Amino acid sequence: MNTAATTPNFAGIEIEIDLEGPDGNAFYILGIITRELKAAGATAEQVTEFNTDATSGDYDHLLAVCANWVTFESY
């Protein structure tokens, strides 16, 4: 299911994660998206902005923030 309502900041990054499995861990999700943002050329400021926003709420907030930054699919 795609949780993004609008086009993500880095729409070219496509992340597919099984939220019920070990990859659904918040730390794993943060790590994989941070790594992909850096690989796609995100600035240090953008990466910091993503991490600050993603960690400023609960798990559902984390998933919503991820969908605002990358093409994020969960199954």
C-alpha atoms as a PDB file:
ATOM      1  CA  MET A   1       0.000   0.000   0.000  1.00  0.00           C
ATOM      2  CA  ASN A   2       1.364   3.402  -0.882  1.00  0.00           C
ATOM      3  CA  THR A   3       0.924   5.783   2.052  1.00  0.00           C
ATOM      4  CA  ALA A   4       1.918   8.906   0.127  1.00  0.00           C
ATOM      5  CA  ALA A   5      -0.798  11.386  -0.756  1.00  0.00           C
ATOM      6  CA  THR A   6       1.524  13.590  -2.825  1.00  0.00           C
ATOM      7  CA  THR A   7       4.710  13.156  -4.818  1.00  0.00           C
ATOM      8  CA  PRO A   8       7.605  12.405  -2.451  1.00  0.00           C
ATOM      9  CA  ASN A   9      10.666  14.684  -2.313  1.00  0.00           C
ATOM     10  CA  PHE A  10      12.834  11.850  -3.697  1.00  0.00           C
ATOM     11  CA  ALA A  11      10.218   9.944  -5.717  1.00  0.00           C
ATOM     12  CA  GLY A  12      12.958   8.083  -7.607  1.00  0.00           C
ATOM     13  CA  ILE A  13      13.847   6.173  -4.451  1.00  0.00           C
ATOM     14  CA  GLU A  14      11.539   3.191  -4.137  1.00  0.00           C
ATOM     15  CA  ILE A  15      11.464   1.360  -0.811  1.00  0.00           C
ATOM     16  CA  GLU A  16       9.328  -1.754  -0.244  1.00  0.00           C
ATOM     17  CA  ILE A  17       9.209  -3.058   3.328  1.00  0.00           C
ATOM     18  CA  ASP A  18       7.373  -5.873   5.098  1.00  0.00           C
ATOM     19  CA  LEU A  19       6.172  -3.978   8.171  1.00  0.00           C
ATOM     20  CA  GLU A  20       5.236  -7.247   9.900  1.00  0.00           C
ATOM     21  CA  GLY A  21       8.756  -8.676   9.592  1.00  0.00           C
ATOM     22  CA  PRO A  22      12.127  -7.617  11.005  1.00  0.00           C
ATOM     23  CA  ASP A  23      12.476  -4.944   8.312  1.00  0.00           C
ATOM     24  CA  GLY A  24       9.462  -3.182   9.850  1.00  0.00           C
ATOM     25  CA  ASN A  25      11.617  -2.067  12.781  1.00  0.00           C
ATOM     26  CA  ALA A  26      11.717   1.734  13.017  1.00  0.00           C
ATOM     27  CA  PHE A  27      15.520   1.791  13.229  1.00  0.00           C
ATOM     28  CA  TYR A  28      15.845  -0.361  10.116  1.00  0.00           C
ATOM     29  CA  ILE A  29      13.434   1.878   8.210  1.00  0.00           C
ATOM     30  CA  LEU A  30      15.318   5.020   9.258  1.00  0.00           C
ATOM     31  CA  GLY A  31      18.639   3.459   8.302  1.00  0.00           C
ATOM     32  CA  ILE A  32      17.613   2.228   4.874  1.00  0.00           C
ATOM     33  CA  ILE A  33      15.955   5.487   3.893  1.00  0.00           C
ATOM     34  CA  THR A  34      18.843   7.583   5.228  1.00  0.00           C
ATOM     35  CA  ARG A  35      21.282   5.455   3.215  1.00  0.00           C
ATOM     36  CA  GLU A  36      19.167   5.751   0.065  1.00  0.00           C
ATOM     37  CA  LEU A  37      18.750   9.514   0.461  1.00  0.00           C
ATOM     38  CA  LYS A  38      22.530   9.937   0.706  1.00  0.00           C
ATOM     39  CA  ALA A  39      23.070   7.685  -2.317  1.00  0.00           C
ATOM     40  CA  ALA A  40      20.567   9.778  -4.295  1.00  0.00           C
ATOM     41  CA  GLY A  41      22.492  12.972  -3.556  1.00  0.00           C
ATOM     42  CA  ALA A  42      20.481  14.426  -0.682  1.00  0.00           C
ATOM     43  CA  THR A  43      22.334  17.157   1.168  1.00  0.00           C
ATOM     44  CA  ALA A  44      23.369  16.736   4.795  1.00  0.00           C
ATOM     45  CA  GLU A  45      20.683  19.267   5.692  1.00  0.00           C
ATOM     46  CA  GLN A  46      18.008  17.247   3.895  1.00  0.00           C
ATOM     47  CA  VAL A  47      19.066  14.043   5.634  1.00  0.00           C
ATOM     48  CA  THR A  48      18.995  15.803   8.997  1.00  0.00           C
ATOM     49  CA  GLU A  49      15.566  17.269   8.216  1.00  0.00           C
ATOM     50  CA  PHE A  50      14.244  13.803   7.316  1.00  0.00           C
ATOM     51  CA  ASN A  51      15.638  12.191  10.473  1.00  0.00           C
ATOM     52  CA  THR A  52      14.450  14.992  12.764  1.00  0.00           C
ATOM     53  CA  ASP A  53      10.928  14.897  11.373  1.00  0.00           C
ATOM     54  CA  ALA A  54      10.748  11.095  11.208  1.00  0.00           C
ATOM     55  CA  THR A  55      11.754  10.702  14.858  1.00  0.00           C
ATOM     56  CA  SER A  56       9.513  13.471  16.192  1.00  0.00           C
ATOM     57  CA  GLY A  57       6.431  11.296  16.609  1.00  0.00           C
ATOM     58  CA  ASP A  58       5.172   7.753  16.854  1.00  0.00           C
ATOM     59  CA  TYR A  59       5.600   4.840  14.433  1.00  0.00           C
ATOM     60  CA  ASP A  60       2.682   5.954  12.258  1.00  0.00           C
ATOM     61  CA  HIS A  61       4.249   9.416  12.007  1.00  0.00           C
ATOM     62  CA  LEU A  62       7.542   7.793  10.946  1.00  0.00           C
ATOM     63  CA  LEU A  63       5.778   5.939   8.133  1.00  0.00           C
ATOM     64  CA  ALA A  64       3.979   9.089   6.983  1.00  0.00           C
ATOM     65  CA  VAL A  65       7.241  11.065   6.917  1.00  0.00           C
ATOM     66  CA  CYS A  66       8.927   8.280   4.943  1.00  0.00           C
ATOM     67  CA  ALA A  67       6.136   8.449   2.369  1.00  0.00           C
ATOM     68  CA  ASN A  68       6.736  12.199   2.056  1.00  0.00           C
ATOM     69  CA  TRP A  69      10.389  11.628   1.216  1.00  0.00           C
ATOM     70  CA  VAL A  70      10.519   8.445  -0.905  1.00  0.00           C
ATOM     71  CA  THR A  71       8.184   6.143  -2.786  1.00  0.00           C
ATOM     72  CA  PHE A  72       7.332   3.947   0.179  1.00  0.00           C
ATOM     73  CA  GLU A  73       5.404   0.716  -0.202  1.00  0.00           C
ATOM     74  CA  SER A  74       4.523  -1.567   2.670  1.00  0.00           C
ATOM     75  CA  TYR A  75       3.107  -5.063   2.599  1.00  0.00           C
END
